[in-house]
Amino acid sequence: MPNQMGDVPVTYANIKKAQKHLGYQPTMRLKEGISSFYEWYKKMYHS
């Protein structure tokens, strides 16, 4: 699929600075977070 207007071609997600400077630690695994977001989104926008 070709990029659409506004698509970011490359991203480099890295939480090391947030962990070091802010003490950030994720509390949820990615798969669980995606599922949780999906359920929230359905509830908010497709009720």
PDB file of N, CA and C in Angstrom:
ATOM      1  N   MET A   1       0.856  -1.169   0.000  1.00  0.00           N
ATOM      2  CA  MET A   1       0.000   0.000   0.000  1.00  0.00           C
ATOM      3  C   MET A   1       0.909   1.242   0.000  1.00  0.00           C
ATOM      4  N   PRO A   2       0.651   2.197  -0.871  1.00  0.00           N
ATOM      5  CA  PRO A   2       1.472   3.411  -0.882  1.00  0.00           C
ATOM      6  C   PRO A   2       1.190   4.274   0.343  1.00  0.00           C
ATOM      7  N   ASN A   3       2.173   5.093   0.700  1.00  0.00           N
ATOM      8  CA  ASN A   3       1.978   6.021   1.813  1.00  0.00           C
ATOM      9  C   ASN A   3       0.847   6.978   1.501  1.00  0.00           C
ATOM     10  N   GLN A   4       0.144   7.363   2.545  1.00  0.00           N
ATOM     11  CA  GLN A   4      -0.928   8.344   2.405  1.00  0.00           C
ATOM     12  C   GLN A   4      -0.438   9.671   2.971  1.00  0.00           C
ATOM     13  N   MET A   5      -1.077  10.756   2.583  1.00  0.00           N
ATOM     14  CA  MET A   5      -0.691  12.073   3.079  1.00  0.00           C
ATOM     15  C   MET A   5      -0.679  12.061   4.611  1.00  0.00           C
ATOM     16  N   GLY A   6       0.400  12.521   5.189  1.00  0.00           N
ATOM     17  CA  GLY A   6       0.529  12.558   6.644  1.00  0.00           C
ATOM     18  C   GLY A   6       1.210  11.348   7.245  1.00  0.00           C
ATOM     19  N   ASP A   7       1.424  10.291   6.461  1.00  0.00           N
ATOM     20  CA  ASP A   7       2.130   9.104   6.961  1.00  0.00           C
ATOM     21  C   ASP A   7       3.577   9.458   7.301  1.00  0.00           C
ATOM     22  N   VAL A   8       4.083   8.904   8.370  1.00  0.00           N
ATOM     23  CA  VAL A   8       5.478   9.077   8.754  1.00  0.00           C
ATOM     24  C   VAL A   8       6.254   7.915   8.161  1.00  0.00           C
ATOM     25  N   PRO A   9       7.257   8.195   7.306  1.00  0.00           N
ATOM     26  CA  PRO A   9       7.941   7.107   6.606  1.00  0.00           C
ATOM     27  C   PRO A   9       8.736   6.173   7.516  1.00  0.00           C
ATOM     28  N   VAL A  10       9.345   6.709   8.582  1.00  0.00           N
ATOM     29  CA  VAL A  10      10.158   5.890   9.471  1.00  0.00           C
ATOM     30  C   VAL A  10      10.005   6.418  10.889  1.00  0.00           C
ATOM     31  N   THR A  11       9.892   5.515  11.850  1.00  0.00           N
ATOM     32  CA  THR A  11       9.894   5.926  13.258  1.00  0.00           C
ATOM     33  C   THR A  11      10.846   5.029  14.026  1.00  0.00           C
ATOM     34  N   TYR A  12      11.392   5.551  15.091  1.00  0.00           N
ATOM     35  CA  TYR A  12      12.318   4.795  15.940  1.00  0.00           C
ATOM     36  C   TYR A  12      11.877   4.956  17.385  1.00  0.00           C
ATOM     37  N   ALA A  13      10.884   4.200  17.786  1.00  0.00           N
ATOM     38  CA  ALA A  13      10.381   4.287  19.150  1.00  0.00           C
ATOM     39  C   ALA A  13      11.439   3.772  20.120  1.00  0.00           C
ATOM     40  N   ASN A  14      11.719   4.562  21.138  1.00  0.00           N
ATOM     41  CA  ASN A  14      12.712   4.187  22.130  1.00  0.00           C
ATOM     42  C   ASN A  14      12.331   4.873  23.441  1.00  0.00           C
ATOM     43  N   ILE A  15      12.114   4.089  24.482  1.00  0.00           N
ATOM     44  CA  ILE A  15      11.679   4.669  25.757  1.00  0.00           C
ATOM     45  C   ILE A  15      12.822   4.824  26.759  1.00  0.00           C
ATOM     46  N   LYS A  16      14.051   4.587  26.327  1.00  0.00           N
ATOM     47  CA  LYS A  16      15.184   4.624  27.255  1.00  0.00           C
ATOM     48  C   LYS A  16      15.332   5.978  27.973  1.00  0.00           C
ATOM     49  N   LYS A  17      15.155   7.091  27.276  1.00  0.00           N
ATOM     50  CA  LYS A  17      15.266   8.412  27.917  1.00  0.00           C
ATOM     51  C   LYS A  17      14.154   8.627  28.939  1.00  0.00           C
ATOM     52  N   ALA A  18      12.941   8.197  28.600  1.00  0.00           N
ATOM     53  CA  ALA A  18      11.828   8.327  29.544  1.00  0.00           C
ATOM     54  C   ALA A  18      12.072   7.464  30.774  1.00  0.00           C
ATOM     55  N   GLN A  19      12.652   6.285  30.569  1.00  0.00           N
ATOM     56  CA  GLN A  19      12.979   5.424  31.708  1.00  0.00           C
ATOM     57  C   GLN A  19      14.057   6.066  32.570  1.00  0.00           C
ATOM     58  N   LYS A  20      15.089   6.574  31.940  1.00  0.00           N
ATOM     59  CA  LYS A  20      16.221   7.142  32.677  1.00  0.00           C
ATOM     60  C   LYS A  20      15.857   8.435  33.398  1.00  0.00           C
ATOM     61  N   HIS A  21      15.191   9.354  32.702  1.00  0.00           N
ATOM     62  CA  HIS A  21      14.961  10.690  33.254  1.00  0.00           C
ATOM     63  C   HIS A  21      13.644  10.837  34.011  1.00  0.00           C
ATOM     64  N   LEU A  22      12.677  10.015  33.679  1.00  0.00           N
ATOM     65  CA  LEU A  22      11.361  10.153  34.295  1.00  0.00           C
ATOM     66  C   LEU A  22      10.958   8.954  35.142  1.00  0.00           C
ATOM     67  N   GLY A  23      11.768   7.890  35.077  1.00  0.00           N
ATOM     68  CA  GLY A  23      11.424   6.685  35.821  1.00  0.00           C
ATOM     69  C   GLY A  23      10.258   5.930  35.213  1.00  0.00           C
ATOM     70  N   TYR A  24       9.993   6.161  33.937  1.00  0.00           N
ATOM     71  CA  TYR A  24       8.864   5.518  33.265  1.00  0.00           C
ATOM     72  C   TYR A  24       9.101   4.025  33.103  1.00  0.00           C
ATOM     73  N   GLN A  25       8.088   3.246  33.426  1.00  0.00           N
ATOM     74  CA  GLN A  25       8.098   1.803  33.193  1.00  0.00           C
ATOM     75  C   GLN A  25       6.735   1.406  32.653  1.00  0.00           C
ATOM     76  N   PRO A  26       6.691   0.765  31.486  1.00  0.00           N
ATOM     77  CA  PRO A  26       5.406   0.318  30.952  1.00  0.00           C
ATOM     78  C   PRO A  26       4.713  -0.629  31.933  1.00  0.00           C
ATOM     79  N   THR A  27       3.401  -0.560  31.972  1.00  0.00           N
ATOM     80  CA  THR A  27       2.643  -1.424  32.881  1.00  0.00           C
ATOM     81  C   THR A  27       1.810  -2.449  32.122  1.00  0.00           C
ATOM     82  N   MET A  28       1.910  -2.428  30.778  1.00  0.00           N
ATOM     83  CA  MET A  28       1.083  -3.298  29.958  1.00  0.00           C
ATOM     84  C   MET A  28       1.894  -3.773  28.752  1.00  0.00           C
ATOM     85  N   ARG A  29       1.719  -5.026  28.379  1.00  0.00           N
ATOM     86  CA  ARG A  29       2.379  -5.557  27.180  1.00  0.00           C
ATOM     87  C   ARG A  29       1.710  -4.960  25.942  1.00  0.00           C
ATOM     88  N   LEU A  30       2.444  -4.866  24.850  1.00  0.00           N
ATOM     89  CA  LEU A  30       1.941  -4.248  23.631  1.00  0.00           C
ATOM     90  C   LEU A  30       0.634  -4.882  23.151  1.00  0.00           C
ATOM     91  N   LYS A  31       0.596  -6.207  23.089  1.00  0.00           N
ATOM     92  CA  LYS A  31      -0.609  -6.898  22.608  1.00  0.00           C
ATOM     93  C   LYS A  31      -1.821  -6.554  23.469  1.00  0.00           C
ATOM     94  N   GLU A  32      -1.625  -6.517  24.784  1.00  0.00           N
ATOM     95  CA  GLU A  32      -2.708  -6.166  25.712  1.00  0.00           C
ATOM     96  C   GLU A  32      -3.131  -4.711  25.508  1.00  0.00           C
ATOM     97  N   GLY A  33      -2.160  -3.831  25.281  1.00  0.00           N
ATOM     98  CA  GLY A  33      -2.463  -2.411  25.071  1.00  0.00           C
ATOM     99  C   GLY A  33      -3.255  -2.175  23.800  1.00  0.00           C
ATOM    100  N   ILE A  34      -2.888  -2.871  22.736  1.00  0.00           N
ATOM    101  CA  ILE A  34      -3.619  -2.727  21.478  1.00  0.00           C
ATOM    102  C   ILE A  34      -5.052  -3.207  21.648  1.00  0.00           C
ATOM    103  N   SER A  35      -5.232  -4.331  22.308  1.00  0.00           N
ATOM    104  CA  SER A  35      -6.564  -4.859  22.549  1.00  0.00           C
ATOM    105  C   SER A  35      -7.385  -3.891  23.407  1.00  0.00           C
ATOM    106  N   SER A  36      -6.772  -3.353  24.438  1.00  0.00           N
ATOM    107  CA  SER A  36      -7.446  -2.414  25.321  1.00  0.00           C
ATOM    108  C   SER A  36      -7.848  -1.145  24.563  1.00  0.00           C
ATOM    109  N   PHE A  37      -6.933  -0.626  23.736  1.00  0.00           N
ATOM    110  CA  PHE A  37      -7.240   0.566  22.947  1.00  0.00           C
ATOM    111  C   PHE A  37      -8.387   0.285  21.987  1.00  0.00           C
ATOM    112  N   TYR A  38      -8.374  -0.868  21.334  1.00  0.00           N
ATOM    113  CA  TYR A  38      -9.425  -1.228  20.389  1.00  0.00           C
ATOM    114  C   TYR A  38     -10.795  -1.253  21.074  1.00  0.00           C
ATOM    115  N   GLU A  39     -10.851  -1.863  22.240  1.00  0.00           N
ATOM    116  CA  GLU A  39     -12.116  -1.928  22.976  1.00  0.00           C
ATOM    117  C   GLU A  39     -12.579  -0.533  23.385  1.00  0.00           C
ATOM    118  N   TRP A  40     -11.656   0.300  23.835  1.00  0.00           N
ATOM    119  CA  TRP A  40     -11.992   1.685  24.208  1.00  0.00           C
ATOM    120  C   TRP A  40     -12.509   2.442  22.992  1.00  0.00           C
ATOM    121  N   TYR A  41     -11.806   2.299  21.854  1.00  0.00           N
ATOM    122  CA  TYR A  41     -12.191   2.999  20.642  1.00  0.00           C
ATOM    123  C   TYR A  41     -13.590   2.603  20.173  1.00  0.00           C
ATOM    124  N   LYS A  42     -13.869   1.295  20.197  1.00  0.00           N
ATOM    125  CA  LYS A  42     -15.204   0.828  19.818  1.00  0.00           C
ATOM    126  C   LYS A  42     -16.265   1.445  20.717  1.00  0.00           C
ATOM    127  N   LYS A  43     -15.998   1.468  22.015  1.00  0.00           N
ATOM    128  CA  LYS A  43     -16.956   2.017  22.969  1.00  0.00           C
ATOM    129  C   LYS A  43     -17.190   3.506  22.743  1.00  0.00           C
ATOM    130  N   MET A  44     -16.117   4.235  22.446  1.00  0.00           N
ATOM    131  CA  MET A  44     -16.217   5.686  22.292  1.00  0.00           C
ATOM    132  C   MET A  44     -16.807   6.120  20.951  1.00  0.00           C
ATOM    133  N   TYR A  45     -16.496   5.405  19.883  1.00  0.00           N
ATOM    134  CA  TYR A  45     -16.836   5.898  18.557  1.00  0.00           C
ATOM    135  C   TYR A  45     -17.769   5.009  17.743  1.00  0.00           C
ATOM    136  N   HIS A  46     -18.078   3.841  18.221  1.00  0.00           N
ATOM    137  CA  HIS A  46     -18.938   2.950  17.453  1.00  0.00           C
ATOM    138  C   HIS A  46     -20.060   2.362  18.289  1.00  0.00           C
ATOM    139  N   SER A  47     -20.533   3.121  19.233  1.00  0.00           N
ATOM    140  CA  SER A  47     -21.613   2.617  20.098  1.00  0.00           C
ATOM    141  C   SER A  47     -22.948   2.675  19.400  1.00  0.00           C
TER     142      SER A  47
END
